[in-house]
């Protein structure tokens, strides 16, 4: 493991360890199942707000795209060519 990987792993572990109490957070960032939210989860929520889509929405869009391609292959009598994500 080189220095950059070590720092990246340290960063990830720290973000999982530090928990921000729900009382410090706006309502839409709170996790009412627990007493607080980890920095990693907060960062993920902020990232999804910036790009405008959640991980679930991105995955659903990708699945829908592949399904329509498979349907067109079947409609034209072709054998299905399975696609990897993002291709």
C-alpha atoms as a PDB file:
ATOM      1  CA  UNK A   1       0.000   0.000   0.000  1.00  0.00           C
ATOM      2  CA  UNK A   2       1.532   3.296  -1.050  1.00  0.00           C
ATOM      3  CA  UNK A   3       1.206   6.608   0.770  1.00  0.00           C
ATOM      4  CA  UNK A   4      -1.746   7.862  -1.289  1.00  0.00           C
ATOM      5  CA  UNK A   5      -3.729   4.670  -0.685  1.00  0.00           C
ATOM      6  CA  UNK A   6      -2.914   4.847   3.016  1.00  0.00           C
ATOM      7  CA  UNK A   7      -4.145   8.441   3.283  1.00  0.00           C
ATOM      8  CA  UNK A   8      -7.295   7.558   1.311  1.00  0.00           C
ATOM      9  CA  UNK A   9      -8.019   4.625   3.625  1.00  0.00           C
ATOM     10  CA  UNK A  10      -7.359   6.812   6.691  1.00  0.00           C
ATOM     11  CA  UNK A  11      -9.765   9.433   5.302  1.00  0.00           C
ATOM     12  CA  UNK A  12     -12.480   6.792   4.748  1.00  0.00           C
ATOM     13  CA  UNK A  13     -12.079   5.325   8.249  1.00  0.00           C
ATOM     14  CA  UNK A  14     -12.200   8.733   9.924  1.00  0.00           C
ATOM     15  CA  UNK A  15     -15.391   9.635   8.043  1.00  0.00           C
ATOM     16  CA  UNK A  16     -17.006   6.404   9.226  1.00  0.00           C
ATOM     17  CA  UNK A  17     -15.940   6.952  12.836  1.00  0.00           C
ATOM     18  CA  UNK A  18     -17.042  10.565  13.329  1.00  0.00           C
ATOM     19  CA  UNK A  19     -20.780  10.817  14.004  1.00  0.00           C
ATOM     20  CA  UNK A  20     -22.665  14.124  14.003  1.00  0.00           C
ATOM     21  CA  UNK A  21     -25.669  14.229  16.372  1.00  0.00           C
ATOM     22  CA  UNK A  22     -29.068  14.576  14.711  1.00  0.00           C
ATOM     23  CA  UNK A  23     -29.813  17.668  16.785  1.00  0.00           C
ATOM     24  CA  UNK A  24     -26.996  19.523  14.975  1.00  0.00           C
ATOM     25  CA  UNK A  25     -28.335  18.686  11.516  1.00  0.00           C
ATOM     26  CA  UNK A  26     -31.148  20.057   9.362  1.00  0.00           C
ATOM     27  CA  UNK A  27     -34.196  17.797   9.203  1.00  0.00           C
ATOM     28  CA  UNK A  28     -33.436  16.390   5.739  1.00  0.00           C
ATOM     29  CA  UNK A  29     -29.956  15.207   6.827  1.00  0.00           C
ATOM     30  CA  UNK A  30     -31.045  13.454  10.023  1.00  0.00           C
ATOM     31  CA  UNK A  31     -31.183   9.693  10.452  1.00  0.00           C
ATOM     32  CA  UNK A  32     -34.041   9.134  12.869  1.00  0.00           C
ATOM     33  CA  UNK A  33     -33.158   5.453  13.270  1.00  0.00           C
ATOM     34  CA  UNK A  34     -29.985   6.377  15.161  1.00  0.00           C
ATOM     35  CA  UNK A  35     -28.702   9.214  17.320  1.00  0.00           C
ATOM     36  CA  UNK A  36     -26.483  10.642  14.595  1.00  0.00           C
ATOM     37  CA  UNK A  37     -25.085  10.458  11.086  1.00  0.00           C
ATOM     38  CA  UNK A  38     -21.526   9.586  10.078  1.00  0.00           C
ATOM     39  CA  UNK A  39     -19.498  12.060   8.065  1.00  0.00           C
ATOM     40  CA  UNK A  40     -19.366   9.505   5.240  1.00  0.00           C
ATOM     41  CA  UNK A  41     -23.177   9.418   5.056  1.00  0.00           C
ATOM     42  CA  UNK A  42     -23.373  13.204   5.197  1.00  0.00           C
ATOM     43  CA  UNK A  43     -20.851  13.472   2.378  1.00  0.00           C
ATOM     44  CA  UNK A  44     -22.862  10.993   0.311  1.00  0.00           C
ATOM     45  CA  UNK A  45     -26.061  12.975   0.870  1.00  0.00           C
ATOM     46  CA  UNK A  46     -24.325  16.222  -0.093  1.00  0.00           C
ATOM     47  CA  UNK A  47     -22.899  14.624  -3.231  1.00  0.00           C
ATOM     48  CA  UNK A  48     -26.339  13.389  -4.278  1.00  0.00           C
ATOM     49  CA  UNK A  49     -27.740  16.898  -3.805  1.00  0.00           C
ATOM     50  CA  UNK A  50     -24.980  18.356  -5.967  1.00  0.00           C
ATOM     51  CA  UNK A  51     -25.519  15.954  -8.854  1.00  0.00           C
ATOM     52  CA  UNK A  52     -29.278  15.979  -8.384  1.00  0.00           C
ATOM     53  CA  UNK A  53     -29.655  12.189  -8.410  1.00  0.00           C
ATOM     54  CA  UNK A  54     -29.402   9.569  -5.712  1.00  0.00           C
ATOM     55  CA  UNK A  55     -27.503   6.328  -6.237  1.00  0.00           C
ATOM     56  CA  UNK A  56     -30.846   4.549  -6.570  1.00  0.00           C
ATOM     57  CA  UNK A  57     -32.013   6.948  -9.318  1.00  0.00           C
ATOM     58  CA  UNK A  58     -28.757   6.522 -11.240  1.00  0.00           C
ATOM     59  CA  UNK A  59     -29.009   2.718 -10.975  1.00  0.00           C
ATOM     60  CA  UNK A  60     -32.663   2.754 -12.081  1.00  0.00           C
ATOM     61  CA  UNK A  61     -31.869   4.957 -15.094  1.00  0.00           C
ATOM     62  CA  UNK A  62     -29.059   2.584 -16.087  1.00  0.00           C
ATOM     63  CA  UNK A  63     -31.306  -0.490 -15.725  1.00  0.00           C
ATOM     64  CA  UNK A  64     -34.046   1.157 -17.805  1.00  0.00           C
ATOM     65  CA  UNK A  65     -31.522   1.953 -20.543  1.00  0.00           C
ATOM     66  CA  UNK A  66     -30.291  -1.634 -20.695  1.00  0.00           C
ATOM     67  CA  UNK A  67     -33.840  -3.052 -20.652  1.00  0.00           C
ATOM     68  CA  UNK A  68     -34.831  -0.900 -23.631  1.00  0.00           C
ATOM     69  CA  UNK A  69     -31.733  -2.055 -25.534  1.00  0.00           C
ATOM     70  CA  UNK A  70     -32.543  -5.706 -24.753  1.00  0.00           C
ATOM     71  CA  UNK A  71     -36.167  -5.191 -25.846  1.00  0.00           C
ATOM     72  CA  UNK A  72     -35.053  -3.724 -29.176  1.00  0.00           C
ATOM     73  CA  UNK A  73     -32.678  -6.668 -29.705  1.00  0.00           C
ATOM     74  CA  UNK A  74     -35.510  -9.145 -29.061  1.00  0.00           C
ATOM     75  CA  UNK A  75     -37.930  -7.206 -31.294  1.00  0.00           C
ATOM     76  CA  UNK A  76     -35.467  -7.345 -34.187  1.00  0.00           C
ATOM     77  CA  UNK A  77     -34.954 -11.104 -33.697  1.00  0.00           C
ATOM     78  CA  UNK A  78     -31.385 -10.794 -32.427  1.00  0.00           C
ATOM     79  CA  UNK A  79     -29.824 -12.759 -29.642  1.00  0.00           C
ATOM     80  CA  UNK A  80     -29.477 -10.664 -26.498  1.00  0.00           C
ATOM     81  CA  UNK A  81     -26.014  -9.204 -26.075  1.00  0.00           C
ATOM     82  CA  UNK A  82     -25.616  -8.502 -22.371  1.00  0.00           C
ATOM     83  CA  UNK A  83     -24.167  -5.093 -21.546  1.00  0.00           C
ATOM     84  CA  UNK A  84     -22.065  -4.050 -18.615  1.00  0.00           C
ATOM     85  CA  UNK A  85     -23.026  -0.969 -16.638  1.00  0.00           C
ATOM     86  CA  UNK A  86     -22.166   2.249 -18.411  1.00  0.00           C
ATOM     87  CA  UNK A  87     -21.539   0.684 -21.828  1.00  0.00           C
END
